[in-house]
Amino acid sequence: MRQLGMEFVRPNFGEYRLYITDMWLTVQMALWGTALALLIAIPLGLAGARNLTPTWIQQPVRRLLDVLRSVPDLVIGAIFVVAVGLGPFAGVMALAVNTGGVLGKLFSEAVEAIDRAPVEGVRATGAAPLHEIVWGVLPQVAPLWTSYALYRFESNARSATVLSLIGAGGIGQPLFDSINSFAFDQTSAIVIVIVVAVSGIDLLSQVIRGRLL
C-alpha cells in the first residue's frame, strides 16, 4: 500500500506526448459527439415542446427522447463497435445518441418556458410557422440552449474516457492499461492530464456562458 501511494505521488510523464495526443483525441470525440447530438436535439426539442406541436406529435417525440437518454453510453457504444468496428467513430456515435436525448429534453423544456408575446407578434405579421420559430422562439432559447450544449460537452469529455473500455480509443485506453499493469506512476500522470484538460474545458465554457447569459 505504501509503495502504491508513493507511485501515485510521483507521476511518470515519460510518455507525455502520447498522453496529450490521446487526450486530444478524447476531446475531439466529445466535440463531434456533442455536435452530432445538436443535430438530433434541435428538431426533436422543438417537436417535443407542447406549446409548439400537437399532442400526437409531442408525446411520441418525448418518449423517443426518453429512450435515447436512458440507454447508457457503454451499451450504445458496444452496439456501434459491433456495427462499425473499433475506433473513435463508435464512441462519437454513442455520445451523440445519448447526449441528443438529454439535450432534446432540455431544449423542449426551454421552449415551453418562452414568452409567447414575441411569437404572437411574428404571427400577427402573417409569417409562416417556420418564421415564428426562427424569429419568435430561437432568439429566446438560444443562450440557454448554448449553455446546455457547453455543459454536455464538458460531460462528454469525461464520458469519452470511459468509452475506451469498449475500444473507442482516446486517453482511457492507456489509463486502463496502466491500471491493469500496476504502473500507477503512469496512471497518476494520465489522471493529471485528464484533470487539466477537463478543467480547461470547464473554464472556457464558463467564459462563453458568461458572455451569453
N, C-alpha and C. Protein backbone atom coordinates (compact mmCIF):
# COMPACT_ATOMS: atom_id res chain seq x y z
N MET A 1 0.82 -1.21 0.00
CA MET A 1 0.00 0.00 0.00
C MET A 1 0.86 1.26 0.00
N ARG A 2 1.94 1.21 0.79
CA ARG A 2 2.83 2.38 0.83
C ARG A 2 3.48 2.61 -0.52
N GLN A 3 3.91 1.52 -1.17
CA GLN A 3 4.53 1.65 -2.48
C GLN A 3 3.53 2.20 -3.50
N LEU A 4 2.28 1.74 -3.38
CA LEU A 4 1.24 2.25 -4.27
C LEU A 4 1.07 3.76 -4.10
N GLY A 5 1.03 4.22 -2.84
CA GLY A 5 0.90 5.64 -2.59
C GLY A 5 2.08 6.43 -3.10
N MET A 6 3.28 5.89 -2.98
CA MET A 6 4.47 6.58 -3.44
C MET A 6 4.45 6.74 -4.96
N GLU A 7 3.97 5.71 -5.67
CA GLU A 7 3.92 5.81 -7.13
C GLU A 7 2.90 6.86 -7.58
N PHE A 8 1.80 6.98 -6.85
CA PHE A 8 0.79 7.96 -7.22
C PHE A 8 1.28 9.38 -7.04
N VAL A 9 2.11 9.62 -6.05
CA VAL A 9 2.59 10.98 -5.82
C VAL A 9 3.85 11.27 -6.62
N ARG A 10 4.30 10.31 -7.41
CA ARG A 10 5.45 10.51 -8.29
C ARG A 10 5.05 10.16 -9.72
N PRO A 11 4.23 11.01 -10.35
CA PRO A 11 3.76 10.70 -11.70
C PRO A 11 4.89 10.61 -12.70
N ASN A 12 4.75 9.68 -13.61
CA ASN A 12 5.76 9.44 -14.65
C ASN A 12 5.24 10.01 -15.97
N PHE A 13 5.83 11.13 -16.39
CA PHE A 13 5.41 11.78 -17.63
C PHE A 13 6.32 11.41 -18.80
N GLY A 14 6.94 10.24 -18.73
CA GLY A 14 7.83 9.83 -19.81
C GLY A 14 7.14 9.70 -21.16
N GLU A 15 5.86 9.37 -21.14
CA GLU A 15 5.09 9.22 -22.39
C GLU A 15 4.10 10.37 -22.55
N TYR A 16 4.50 11.55 -22.12
CA TYR A 16 3.54 12.66 -22.10
C TYR A 16 3.02 13.01 -23.48
N ARG A 17 3.85 12.84 -24.52
CA ARG A 17 3.37 13.14 -25.87
C ARG A 17 2.21 12.22 -26.26
N LEU A 18 2.33 10.95 -25.89
CA LEU A 18 1.25 10.01 -26.17
C LEU A 18 0.00 10.38 -25.38
N TYR A 19 0.17 10.77 -24.13
CA TYR A 19 -0.97 11.13 -23.29
C TYR A 19 -1.70 12.36 -23.85
N ILE A 20 -0.93 13.36 -24.27
CA ILE A 20 -1.54 14.57 -24.82
C ILE A 20 -2.27 14.27 -26.12
N THR A 21 -1.64 13.44 -26.97
CA THR A 21 -2.28 13.06 -28.23
C THR A 21 -3.59 12.32 -28.00
N ASP A 22 -3.56 11.37 -27.06
CA ASP A 22 -4.77 10.61 -26.76
C ASP A 22 -5.84 11.49 -26.10
N MET A 23 -5.40 12.44 -25.27
CA MET A 23 -6.36 13.34 -24.65
C MET A 23 -7.01 14.23 -25.70
N TRP A 24 -6.23 14.67 -26.65
CA TRP A 24 -6.78 15.50 -27.72
C TRP A 24 -7.79 14.70 -28.54
N LEU A 25 -7.51 13.40 -28.77
CA LEU A 25 -8.46 12.54 -29.46
C LEU A 25 -9.76 12.42 -28.66
N THR A 26 -9.63 12.31 -27.34
CA THR A 26 -10.81 12.23 -26.48
C THR A 26 -11.64 13.50 -26.56
N VAL A 27 -10.96 14.65 -26.55
CA VAL A 27 -11.67 15.93 -26.67
C VAL A 27 -12.38 16.03 -28.01
N GLN A 28 -11.73 15.57 -29.06
CA GLN A 28 -12.37 15.59 -30.38
C GLN A 28 -13.59 14.68 -30.42
N MET A 29 -13.50 13.52 -29.77
CA MET A 29 -14.67 12.64 -29.69
C MET A 29 -15.82 13.36 -29.00
N ALA A 30 -15.52 14.04 -27.90
CA ALA A 30 -16.56 14.77 -27.16
C ALA A 30 -17.13 15.89 -28.01
N LEU A 31 -16.28 16.59 -28.75
CA LEU A 31 -16.73 17.71 -29.58
C LEU A 31 -17.64 17.23 -30.71
N TRP A 32 -17.20 16.21 -31.42
CA TRP A 32 -18.02 15.69 -32.52
C TRP A 32 -19.30 15.04 -32.01
N GLY A 33 -19.20 14.33 -30.89
CA GLY A 33 -20.39 13.73 -30.31
C GLY A 33 -21.42 14.77 -29.93
N THR A 34 -20.96 15.88 -29.35
CA THR A 34 -21.87 16.96 -28.97
C THR A 34 -22.45 17.64 -30.20
N ALA A 35 -21.62 17.84 -31.22
CA ALA A 35 -22.10 18.49 -32.45
C ALA A 35 -23.19 17.66 -33.13
N LEU A 36 -22.96 16.35 -33.23
CA LEU A 36 -23.98 15.48 -33.83
C LEU A 36 -25.23 15.42 -32.95
N ALA A 37 -25.03 15.48 -31.64
CA ALA A 37 -26.17 15.48 -30.72
C ALA A 37 -27.06 16.69 -30.95
N LEU A 38 -26.46 17.82 -31.27
CA LEU A 38 -27.25 19.03 -31.55
C LEU A 38 -28.14 18.84 -32.77
N LEU A 39 -27.64 18.11 -33.77
CA LEU A 39 -28.45 17.84 -34.96
C LEU A 39 -29.66 16.97 -34.62
N ILE A 40 -29.52 16.15 -33.58
CA ILE A 40 -30.63 15.34 -33.12
C ILE A 40 -31.55 16.15 -32.21
N ALA A 41 -30.94 16.92 -31.30
CA ALA A 41 -31.70 17.57 -30.23
C ALA A 41 -32.53 18.76 -30.70
N ILE A 42 -32.03 19.53 -31.65
CA ILE A 42 -32.75 20.74 -32.05
C ILE A 42 -34.12 20.41 -32.67
N PRO A 43 -34.19 19.55 -33.70
CA PRO A 43 -35.53 19.26 -34.24
C PRO A 43 -36.41 18.50 -33.25
N LEU A 44 -35.83 17.56 -32.50
CA LEU A 44 -36.63 16.80 -31.54
C LEU A 44 -37.05 17.69 -30.37
N GLY A 45 -36.18 18.63 -29.98
CA GLY A 45 -36.54 19.55 -28.90
C GLY A 45 -37.69 20.45 -29.28
N LEU A 46 -37.71 20.90 -30.52
CA LEU A 46 -38.82 21.73 -30.99
C LEU A 46 -40.09 20.90 -31.12
N ALA A 47 -39.95 19.70 -31.67
CA ALA A 47 -41.12 18.84 -31.86
C ALA A 47 -41.67 18.33 -30.54
N GLY A 48 -40.83 18.27 -29.50
CA GLY A 48 -41.26 17.76 -28.21
C GLY A 48 -41.82 18.82 -27.28
N ALA A 49 -41.91 20.07 -27.73
CA ALA A 49 -42.46 21.15 -26.90
C ALA A 49 -43.97 21.22 -27.08
N ARG A 50 -44.70 21.14 -25.98
CA ARG A 50 -46.16 21.06 -26.09
C ARG A 50 -46.81 22.37 -26.54
N ASN A 51 -46.06 23.48 -26.45
CA ASN A 51 -46.62 24.75 -26.91
C ASN A 51 -46.35 25.02 -28.39
N LEU A 52 -45.65 24.07 -29.06
CA LEU A 52 -45.38 24.23 -30.49
C LEU A 52 -46.04 23.17 -31.34
N THR A 53 -46.18 21.97 -30.81
CA THR A 53 -46.68 20.86 -31.60
C THR A 53 -47.89 20.21 -30.93
N PRO A 54 -48.77 19.59 -31.72
CA PRO A 54 -49.93 18.90 -31.14
C PRO A 54 -49.49 17.67 -30.34
N THR A 55 -50.37 17.21 -29.47
CA THR A 55 -50.05 16.10 -28.57
C THR A 55 -49.65 14.84 -29.32
N TRP A 56 -50.29 14.56 -30.46
CA TRP A 56 -50.00 13.33 -31.18
C TRP A 56 -48.59 13.33 -31.77
N ILE A 57 -47.94 14.49 -31.83
CA ILE A 57 -46.53 14.55 -32.23
C ILE A 57 -45.64 14.68 -31.00
N GLN A 58 -46.05 15.55 -30.09
CA GLN A 58 -45.22 15.87 -28.92
C GLN A 58 -44.96 14.65 -28.03
N GLN A 59 -46.01 13.86 -27.76
CA GLN A 59 -45.84 12.72 -26.85
C GLN A 59 -44.93 11.63 -27.42
N PRO A 60 -45.09 11.19 -28.67
CA PRO A 60 -44.14 10.20 -29.22
C PRO A 60 -42.70 10.71 -29.24
N VAL A 61 -42.51 12.00 -29.54
CA VAL A 61 -41.17 12.55 -29.55
C VAL A 61 -40.57 12.52 -28.15
N ARG A 62 -41.36 12.86 -27.14
CA ARG A 62 -40.86 12.82 -25.77
C ARG A 62 -40.48 11.41 -25.37
N ARG A 63 -41.27 10.41 -25.78
CA ARG A 63 -40.95 9.02 -25.44
C ARG A 63 -39.68 8.58 -26.16
N LEU A 64 -39.48 9.06 -27.38
CA LEU A 64 -38.24 8.76 -28.10
C LEU A 64 -37.04 9.35 -27.37
N LEU A 65 -37.17 10.57 -26.89
CA LEU A 65 -36.10 11.21 -26.14
C LEU A 65 -35.83 10.44 -24.85
N ASP A 66 -36.89 9.91 -24.22
CA ASP A 66 -36.70 9.09 -23.02
C ASP A 66 -35.83 7.88 -23.33
N VAL A 67 -36.10 7.24 -24.46
CA VAL A 67 -35.33 6.05 -24.84
C VAL A 67 -33.87 6.41 -25.11
N LEU A 68 -33.64 7.49 -25.85
CA LEU A 68 -32.28 7.87 -26.23
C LEU A 68 -31.41 8.17 -25.01
N ARG A 69 -31.98 8.84 -24.02
CA ARG A 69 -31.15 9.24 -22.89
C ARG A 69 -31.09 8.20 -21.78
N SER A 70 -31.97 7.19 -21.84
CA SER A 70 -31.98 6.19 -20.78
C SER A 70 -31.00 5.04 -21.03
N VAL A 71 -30.59 4.83 -22.28
CA VAL A 71 -29.65 3.76 -22.58
C VAL A 71 -28.23 4.26 -22.30
N PRO A 72 -27.45 3.55 -21.46
CA PRO A 72 -26.09 4.01 -21.11
C PRO A 72 -25.18 4.13 -22.32
N ASP A 73 -24.22 5.06 -22.21
CA ASP A 73 -23.25 5.27 -23.29
C ASP A 73 -22.53 3.98 -23.66
N LEU A 74 -22.13 3.21 -22.66
CA LEU A 74 -21.37 1.99 -22.91
C LEU A 74 -22.16 0.98 -23.74
N VAL A 75 -23.47 0.89 -23.47
CA VAL A 75 -24.31 -0.05 -24.23
C VAL A 75 -24.42 0.41 -25.68
N ILE A 76 -24.69 1.70 -25.87
CA ILE A 76 -24.79 2.23 -27.24
C ILE A 76 -23.45 2.09 -27.95
N GLY A 77 -22.36 2.39 -27.24
CA GLY A 77 -21.04 2.26 -27.82
C GLY A 77 -20.74 0.84 -28.23
N ALA A 78 -21.11 -0.13 -27.41
CA ALA A 78 -20.87 -1.54 -27.73
C ALA A 78 -21.62 -1.94 -29.00
N ILE A 79 -22.85 -1.41 -29.15
CA ILE A 79 -23.62 -1.71 -30.36
C ILE A 79 -22.91 -1.15 -31.59
N PHE A 80 -22.42 0.08 -31.49
CA PHE A 80 -21.74 0.69 -32.63
C PHE A 80 -20.39 0.02 -32.91
N VAL A 81 -19.72 -0.47 -31.87
CA VAL A 81 -18.47 -1.21 -32.09
C VAL A 81 -18.73 -2.46 -32.93
N VAL A 82 -19.81 -3.15 -32.61
CA VAL A 82 -20.19 -4.33 -33.40
C VAL A 82 -20.55 -3.93 -34.82
N ALA A 83 -21.24 -2.78 -34.96
CA ALA A 83 -21.72 -2.36 -36.28
C ALA A 83 -20.62 -1.80 -37.17
N VAL A 84 -19.73 -0.96 -36.60
CA VAL A 84 -18.74 -0.25 -37.43
C VAL A 84 -17.31 -0.61 -37.07
N GLY A 85 -17.09 -1.39 -36.01
CA GLY A 85 -15.74 -1.76 -35.63
C GLY A 85 -15.16 -0.86 -34.56
N LEU A 86 -13.98 -1.23 -34.08
CA LEU A 86 -13.29 -0.47 -33.05
C LEU A 86 -12.84 0.89 -33.58
N GLY A 87 -12.76 1.87 -32.68
CA GLY A 87 -12.26 3.18 -33.08
C GLY A 87 -13.11 4.31 -32.53
N PRO A 88 -12.65 5.53 -32.73
CA PRO A 88 -13.35 6.70 -32.17
C PRO A 88 -14.75 6.91 -32.72
N PHE A 89 -15.03 6.43 -33.95
CA PHE A 89 -16.35 6.67 -34.53
C PHE A 89 -17.45 6.07 -33.67
N ALA A 90 -17.20 4.88 -33.14
CA ALA A 90 -18.19 4.24 -32.27
C ALA A 90 -18.43 5.08 -31.02
N GLY A 91 -17.36 5.63 -30.46
CA GLY A 91 -17.51 6.49 -29.29
C GLY A 91 -18.26 7.77 -29.60
N VAL A 92 -17.97 8.35 -30.75
CA VAL A 92 -18.66 9.58 -31.14
C VAL A 92 -20.16 9.33 -31.27
N MET A 93 -20.54 8.24 -31.91
CA MET A 93 -21.95 7.93 -32.11
C MET A 93 -22.64 7.62 -30.79
N ALA A 94 -21.94 6.95 -29.88
CA ALA A 94 -22.52 6.66 -28.56
C ALA A 94 -22.81 7.95 -27.82
N LEU A 95 -21.86 8.88 -27.84
CA LEU A 95 -22.07 10.17 -27.19
C LEU A 95 -23.18 10.95 -27.86
N ALA A 96 -23.24 10.89 -29.20
CA ALA A 96 -24.24 11.66 -29.94
C ALA A 96 -25.65 11.19 -29.60
N VAL A 97 -25.86 9.89 -29.55
CA VAL A 97 -27.21 9.36 -29.30
C VAL A 97 -27.67 9.72 -27.89
N ASN A 98 -26.83 9.42 -26.90
CA ASN A 98 -27.22 9.68 -25.52
C ASN A 98 -27.38 11.18 -25.25
N THR A 99 -26.41 11.97 -25.71
CA THR A 99 -26.47 13.41 -25.49
C THR A 99 -27.63 14.04 -26.26
N GLY A 100 -27.93 13.50 -27.44
CA GLY A 100 -29.08 14.00 -28.20
C GLY A 100 -30.37 13.86 -27.43
N GLY A 101 -30.52 12.73 -26.72
CA GLY A 101 -31.71 12.54 -25.90
C GLY A 101 -31.78 13.51 -24.73
N VAL A 102 -30.64 13.72 -24.08
CA VAL A 102 -30.60 14.64 -22.93
C VAL A 102 -30.87 16.07 -23.37
N LEU A 103 -30.16 16.51 -24.40
CA LEU A 103 -30.33 17.89 -24.86
C LEU A 103 -31.72 18.11 -25.45
N GLY A 104 -32.27 17.10 -26.13
CA GLY A 104 -33.60 17.24 -26.69
C GLY A 104 -34.64 17.55 -25.61
N LYS A 105 -34.54 16.86 -24.50
CA LYS A 105 -35.48 17.11 -23.40
C LYS A 105 -35.27 18.51 -22.81
N LEU A 106 -34.01 18.88 -22.59
CA LEU A 106 -33.73 20.20 -22.04
C LEU A 106 -34.17 21.31 -23.00
N PHE A 107 -33.93 21.10 -24.29
CA PHE A 107 -34.32 22.10 -25.29
C PHE A 107 -35.84 22.27 -25.32
N SER A 108 -36.58 21.15 -25.27
CA SER A 108 -38.04 21.25 -25.33
C SER A 108 -38.59 21.96 -24.10
N GLU A 109 -38.00 21.70 -22.93
CA GLU A 109 -38.46 22.38 -21.72
C GLU A 109 -38.16 23.87 -21.78
N ALA A 110 -37.03 24.24 -22.38
CA ALA A 110 -36.71 25.65 -22.54
C ALA A 110 -37.72 26.33 -23.47
N VAL A 111 -38.11 25.64 -24.53
CA VAL A 111 -39.09 26.20 -25.46
C VAL A 111 -40.44 26.38 -24.77
N GLU A 112 -40.81 25.44 -23.92
CA GLU A 112 -42.09 25.53 -23.23
C GLU A 112 -42.15 26.70 -22.24
N ALA A 113 -40.98 27.20 -21.85
CA ALA A 113 -40.93 28.30 -20.87
C ALA A 113 -40.80 29.67 -21.52
N ILE A 114 -40.89 29.77 -22.85
CA ILE A 114 -40.68 31.05 -23.52
C ILE A 114 -41.86 31.98 -23.29
N ASP A 115 -41.62 33.27 -23.57
CA ASP A 115 -42.66 34.29 -23.56
C ASP A 115 -43.40 34.22 -24.90
N ARG A 116 -44.72 34.07 -24.85
CA ARG A 116 -45.48 33.91 -26.08
C ARG A 116 -45.64 35.22 -26.86
N ALA A 117 -45.41 36.35 -26.22
CA ALA A 117 -45.66 37.63 -26.89
C ALA A 117 -44.84 37.80 -28.18
N PRO A 118 -43.52 37.53 -28.17
CA PRO A 118 -42.78 37.68 -29.43
C PRO A 118 -43.29 36.76 -30.54
N VAL A 119 -43.69 35.54 -30.17
CA VAL A 119 -44.21 34.61 -31.17
C VAL A 119 -45.51 35.13 -31.76
N GLU A 120 -46.38 35.63 -30.90
CA GLU A 120 -47.65 36.17 -31.39
C GLU A 120 -47.43 37.42 -32.23
N GLY A 121 -46.39 38.20 -31.88
CA GLY A 121 -46.08 39.38 -32.67
C GLY A 121 -45.64 39.00 -34.08
N VAL A 122 -44.81 37.96 -34.19
CA VAL A 122 -44.38 37.49 -35.52
C VAL A 122 -45.57 36.93 -36.27
N ARG A 123 -46.45 36.21 -35.58
CA ARG A 123 -47.62 35.63 -36.23
C ARG A 123 -48.55 36.71 -36.75
N ALA A 124 -48.63 37.82 -36.04
CA ALA A 124 -49.53 38.91 -36.44
C ALA A 124 -49.11 39.53 -37.77
N THR A 125 -47.85 39.37 -38.13
CA THR A 125 -47.39 39.90 -39.42
C THR A 125 -47.75 38.99 -40.59
N GLY A 126 -48.36 37.84 -40.29
CA GLY A 126 -48.72 36.90 -41.34
C GLY A 126 -47.60 35.94 -41.69
N ALA A 127 -46.64 35.81 -40.80
CA ALA A 127 -45.50 34.94 -41.07
C ALA A 127 -45.89 33.47 -40.99
N ALA A 128 -45.13 32.63 -41.67
CA ALA A 128 -45.35 31.18 -41.65
C ALA A 128 -44.89 30.61 -40.31
N PRO A 129 -45.35 29.39 -39.94
CA PRO A 129 -44.93 28.78 -38.67
C PRO A 129 -43.42 28.67 -38.52
N LEU A 130 -42.72 28.39 -39.63
CA LEU A 130 -41.26 28.30 -39.55
C LEU A 130 -40.66 29.64 -39.16
N HIS A 131 -41.22 30.72 -39.67
CA HIS A 131 -40.73 32.06 -39.32
C HIS A 131 -41.02 32.38 -37.85
N GLU A 132 -42.12 31.87 -37.34
CA GLU A 132 -42.42 32.07 -35.92
C GLU A 132 -41.34 31.45 -35.05
N ILE A 133 -40.89 30.26 -35.47
CA ILE A 133 -39.83 29.59 -34.71
C ILE A 133 -38.51 30.34 -34.83
N VAL A 134 -38.17 30.73 -36.06
CA VAL A 134 -36.87 31.38 -36.30
C VAL A 134 -36.78 32.73 -35.61
N TRP A 135 -37.86 33.52 -35.68
CA TRP A 135 -37.81 34.89 -35.17
C TRP A 135 -38.45 35.06 -33.80
N GLY A 136 -39.33 34.15 -33.42
CA GLY A 136 -40.01 34.30 -32.14
C GLY A 136 -39.52 33.37 -31.04
N VAL A 137 -39.07 32.17 -31.42
CA VAL A 137 -38.66 31.16 -30.43
C VAL A 137 -37.15 31.10 -30.25
N LEU A 138 -36.42 30.91 -31.33
CA LEU A 138 -34.98 30.69 -31.23
C LEU A 138 -34.22 31.83 -30.55
N PRO A 139 -34.54 33.11 -30.82
CA PRO A 139 -33.81 34.17 -30.10
C PRO A 139 -33.97 34.10 -28.59
N GLN A 140 -35.09 33.57 -28.12
CA GLN A 140 -35.31 33.48 -26.67
C GLN A 140 -34.56 32.32 -26.04
N VAL A 141 -34.45 31.21 -26.77
CA VAL A 141 -33.86 30.00 -26.17
C VAL A 141 -32.40 29.80 -26.54
N ALA A 142 -31.89 30.54 -27.51
CA ALA A 142 -30.52 30.30 -27.99
C ALA A 142 -29.47 30.39 -26.87
N PRO A 143 -29.49 31.42 -26.01
CA PRO A 143 -28.46 31.45 -24.95
C PRO A 143 -28.53 30.26 -24.01
N LEU A 144 -29.75 29.86 -23.64
CA LEU A 144 -29.91 28.72 -22.73
C LEU A 144 -29.52 27.42 -23.43
N TRP A 145 -29.90 27.27 -24.68
CA TRP A 145 -29.50 26.08 -25.43
C TRP A 145 -27.98 25.99 -25.52
N THR A 146 -27.33 27.11 -25.76
CA THR A 146 -25.87 27.12 -25.85
C THR A 146 -25.24 26.71 -24.53
N SER A 147 -25.79 27.19 -23.43
CA SER A 147 -25.29 26.82 -22.11
C SER A 147 -25.43 25.33 -21.87
N TYR A 148 -26.59 24.77 -22.23
CA TYR A 148 -26.80 23.33 -22.07
C TYR A 148 -25.81 22.54 -22.92
N ALA A 149 -25.59 22.99 -24.15
CA ALA A 149 -24.68 22.27 -25.05
C ALA A 149 -23.25 22.30 -24.52
N LEU A 150 -22.83 23.44 -23.99
CA LEU A 150 -21.48 23.53 -23.44
C LEU A 150 -21.32 22.63 -22.21
N TYR A 151 -22.35 22.58 -21.39
CA TYR A 151 -22.27 21.70 -20.22
C TYR A 151 -22.16 20.24 -20.64
N ARG A 152 -22.93 19.85 -21.65
CA ARG A 152 -22.86 18.47 -22.10
C ARG A 152 -21.52 18.17 -22.77
N PHE A 153 -20.92 19.17 -23.41
CA PHE A 153 -19.58 18.97 -23.97
C PHE A 153 -18.58 18.66 -22.86
N GLU A 154 -18.66 19.41 -21.76
CA GLU A 154 -17.80 19.12 -20.61
C GLU A 154 -18.03 17.70 -20.12
N SER A 155 -19.28 17.31 -19.98
CA SER A 155 -19.62 15.97 -19.50
C SER A 155 -19.13 14.90 -20.47
N ASN A 156 -19.26 15.16 -21.76
CA ASN A 156 -18.83 14.18 -22.76
C ASN A 156 -17.32 14.00 -22.77
N ALA A 157 -16.58 15.04 -22.42
CA ALA A 157 -15.13 14.91 -22.35
C ALA A 157 -14.73 13.88 -21.29
N ARG A 158 -15.52 13.78 -20.23
CA ARG A 158 -15.28 12.76 -19.21
C ARG A 158 -15.81 11.40 -19.66
N SER A 159 -17.01 11.40 -20.25
CA SER A 159 -17.61 10.14 -20.68
C SER A 159 -16.80 9.46 -21.77
N ALA A 160 -16.18 10.24 -22.64
CA ALA A 160 -15.37 9.66 -23.72
C ALA A 160 -14.20 8.85 -23.17
N THR A 161 -13.71 9.22 -22.00
CA THR A 161 -12.63 8.46 -21.38
C THR A 161 -13.08 7.05 -21.04
N VAL A 162 -14.28 6.92 -20.49
CA VAL A 162 -14.80 5.61 -20.10
C VAL A 162 -15.10 4.75 -21.32
N LEU A 163 -15.48 5.37 -22.43
CA LEU A 163 -15.83 4.62 -23.63
C LEU A 163 -14.64 3.85 -24.20
N SER A 164 -13.42 4.20 -23.76
CA SER A 164 -12.25 3.45 -24.19
C SER A 164 -12.30 2.00 -23.73
N LEU A 165 -13.11 1.72 -22.72
CA LEU A 165 -13.27 0.34 -22.25
C LEU A 165 -13.77 -0.59 -23.35
N ILE A 166 -14.54 -0.04 -24.29
CA ILE A 166 -15.10 -0.87 -25.36
C ILE A 166 -14.32 -0.69 -26.66
N GLY A 167 -13.16 -0.07 -26.60
CA GLY A 167 -12.34 0.07 -27.78
C GLY A 167 -12.60 1.30 -28.60
N ALA A 168 -13.11 2.36 -27.98
CA ALA A 168 -13.40 3.59 -28.72
C ALA A 168 -12.19 4.49 -28.87
N GLY A 169 -11.06 4.15 -28.27
CA GLY A 169 -9.86 4.96 -28.39
C GLY A 169 -9.84 6.13 -27.42
N GLY A 170 -8.76 6.88 -27.46
CA GLY A 170 -8.64 8.04 -26.58
C GLY A 170 -7.80 7.76 -25.36
N ILE A 171 -7.80 8.70 -24.43
CA ILE A 171 -6.93 8.64 -23.25
C ILE A 171 -7.30 7.51 -22.32
N GLY A 172 -8.51 7.02 -22.39
CA GLY A 172 -8.94 5.95 -21.49
C GLY A 172 -8.17 4.67 -21.70
N GLN A 173 -7.74 4.39 -22.94
CA GLN A 173 -7.04 3.14 -23.21
C GLN A 173 -5.71 3.05 -22.46
N PRO A 174 -4.81 4.03 -22.59
CA PRO A 174 -3.59 3.95 -21.78
C PRO A 174 -3.86 4.03 -20.29
N LEU A 175 -4.94 4.71 -19.89
CA LEU A 175 -5.27 4.78 -18.47
C LEU A 175 -5.58 3.40 -17.92
N PHE A 176 -6.45 2.67 -18.60
CA PHE A 176 -6.81 1.34 -18.12
C PHE A 176 -5.66 0.35 -18.29
N ASP A 177 -4.85 0.54 -19.32
CA ASP A 177 -3.68 -0.33 -19.49
C ASP A 177 -2.70 -0.14 -18.33
N SER A 178 -2.50 1.10 -17.92
CA SER A 178 -1.57 1.36 -16.82
C SER A 178 -2.11 0.81 -15.50
N ILE A 179 -3.42 0.88 -15.32
CA ILE A 179 -4.01 0.32 -14.10
C ILE A 179 -3.86 -1.19 -14.08
N ASN A 180 -4.14 -1.84 -15.21
CA ASN A 180 -4.06 -3.29 -15.28
C ASN A 180 -2.63 -3.81 -15.12
N SER A 181 -1.66 -2.98 -15.53
CA SER A 181 -0.25 -3.39 -15.40
C SER A 181 0.38 -2.89 -14.10
N PHE A 182 -0.44 -2.29 -13.22
CA PHE A 182 0.02 -1.79 -11.92
C PHE A 182 1.11 -0.71 -12.05
N ALA A 183 1.10 -0.01 -13.19
CA ALA A 183 2.04 1.10 -13.39
C ALA A 183 1.35 2.37 -12.89
N PHE A 184 1.25 2.50 -11.58
CA PHE A 184 0.45 3.58 -11.01
C PHE A 184 1.12 4.94 -11.14
N ASP A 185 2.43 4.98 -11.38
CA ASP A 185 3.06 6.27 -11.65
C ASP A 185 2.58 6.82 -13.00
N GLN A 186 2.37 5.92 -13.98
CA GLN A 186 1.81 6.34 -15.26
C GLN A 186 0.32 6.70 -15.11
N THR A 187 -0.38 5.92 -14.29
CA THR A 187 -1.79 6.22 -14.03
C THR A 187 -1.95 7.62 -13.47
N SER A 188 -1.08 7.97 -12.53
CA SER A 188 -1.13 9.30 -11.92
C SER A 188 -0.91 10.39 -12.96
N ALA A 189 0.07 10.17 -13.84
CA ALA A 189 0.35 11.16 -14.88
C ALA A 189 -0.84 11.33 -15.82
N ILE A 190 -1.47 10.22 -16.20
CA ILE A 190 -2.61 10.28 -17.11
C ILE A 190 -3.79 11.00 -16.45
N VAL A 191 -4.01 10.70 -15.17
CA VAL A 191 -5.10 11.36 -14.44
C VAL A 191 -4.87 12.87 -14.39
N ILE A 192 -3.63 13.28 -14.19
CA ILE A 192 -3.31 14.71 -14.16
C ILE A 192 -3.62 15.36 -15.51
N VAL A 193 -3.26 14.67 -16.60
CA VAL A 193 -3.55 15.19 -17.94
C VAL A 193 -5.06 15.34 -18.14
N ILE A 194 -5.82 14.35 -17.69
CA ILE A 194 -7.28 14.41 -17.83
C ILE A 194 -7.85 15.56 -17.02
N VAL A 195 -7.39 15.71 -15.78
CA VAL A 195 -7.89 16.78 -14.91
C VAL A 195 -7.59 18.15 -15.51
N VAL A 196 -6.39 18.33 -16.01
CA VAL A 196 -6.00 19.61 -16.60
C VAL A 196 -6.87 19.91 -17.83
N ALA A 197 -7.08 18.91 -18.68
CA ALA A 197 -7.87 19.11 -19.89
C ALA A 197 -9.33 19.44 -19.56
N VAL A 198 -9.92 18.66 -18.66
CA VAL A 198 -11.32 18.89 -18.31
C VAL A 198 -11.49 20.24 -17.61
N SER A 199 -10.52 20.61 -16.77
CA SER A 199 -10.58 21.91 -16.10
C SER A 199 -10.48 23.04 -17.11
N GLY A 200 -9.62 22.86 -18.11
CA GLY A 200 -9.51 23.87 -19.15
C GLY A 200 -10.80 24.04 -19.93
N ILE A 201 -11.45 22.91 -20.26
CA ILE A 201 -12.73 22.95 -20.96
C ILE A 201 -13.78 23.64 -20.10
N ASP A 202 -13.78 23.33 -18.80
CA ASP A 202 -14.74 23.94 -17.88
C ASP A 202 -14.55 25.45 -17.80
N LEU A 203 -13.31 25.91 -17.70
CA LEU A 203 -13.04 27.35 -17.63
C LEU A 203 -13.46 28.06 -18.91
N LEU A 204 -13.15 27.43 -20.05
CA LEU A 204 -13.53 28.02 -21.33
C LEU A 204 -15.05 28.10 -21.45
N SER A 205 -15.74 27.05 -21.01
CA SER A 205 -17.19 27.04 -21.09
C SER A 205 -17.80 28.12 -20.19
N GLN A 206 -17.20 28.32 -19.01
CA GLN A 206 -17.70 29.36 -18.11
C GLN A 206 -17.58 30.74 -18.74
N VAL A 207 -16.45 30.98 -19.42
CA VAL A 207 -16.25 32.27 -20.08
C VAL A 207 -17.30 32.48 -21.16
N ILE A 208 -17.54 31.42 -21.98
CA ILE A 208 -18.51 31.55 -23.06
C ILE A 208 -19.92 31.76 -22.51
N ARG A 209 -20.27 30.97 -21.48
CA ARG A 209 -21.61 31.12 -20.90
C ARG A 209 -21.78 32.49 -20.26
N GLY A 210 -20.71 33.00 -19.65
CA GLY A 210 -20.79 34.32 -19.03
C GLY A 210 -21.05 35.41 -20.04
N ARG A 211 -20.58 35.24 -21.25
CA ARG A 211 -20.80 36.25 -22.28
C ARG A 211 -22.19 36.13 -22.93
N LEU A 212 -22.77 34.93 -22.82
CA LEU A 212 -24.06 34.70 -23.46
C LEU A 212 -25.23 34.99 -22.55
N LEU A 213 -25.08 34.71 -21.26
CA LEU A 213 -26.21 34.81 -20.33
C LEU A 213 -26.20 36.14 -19.59
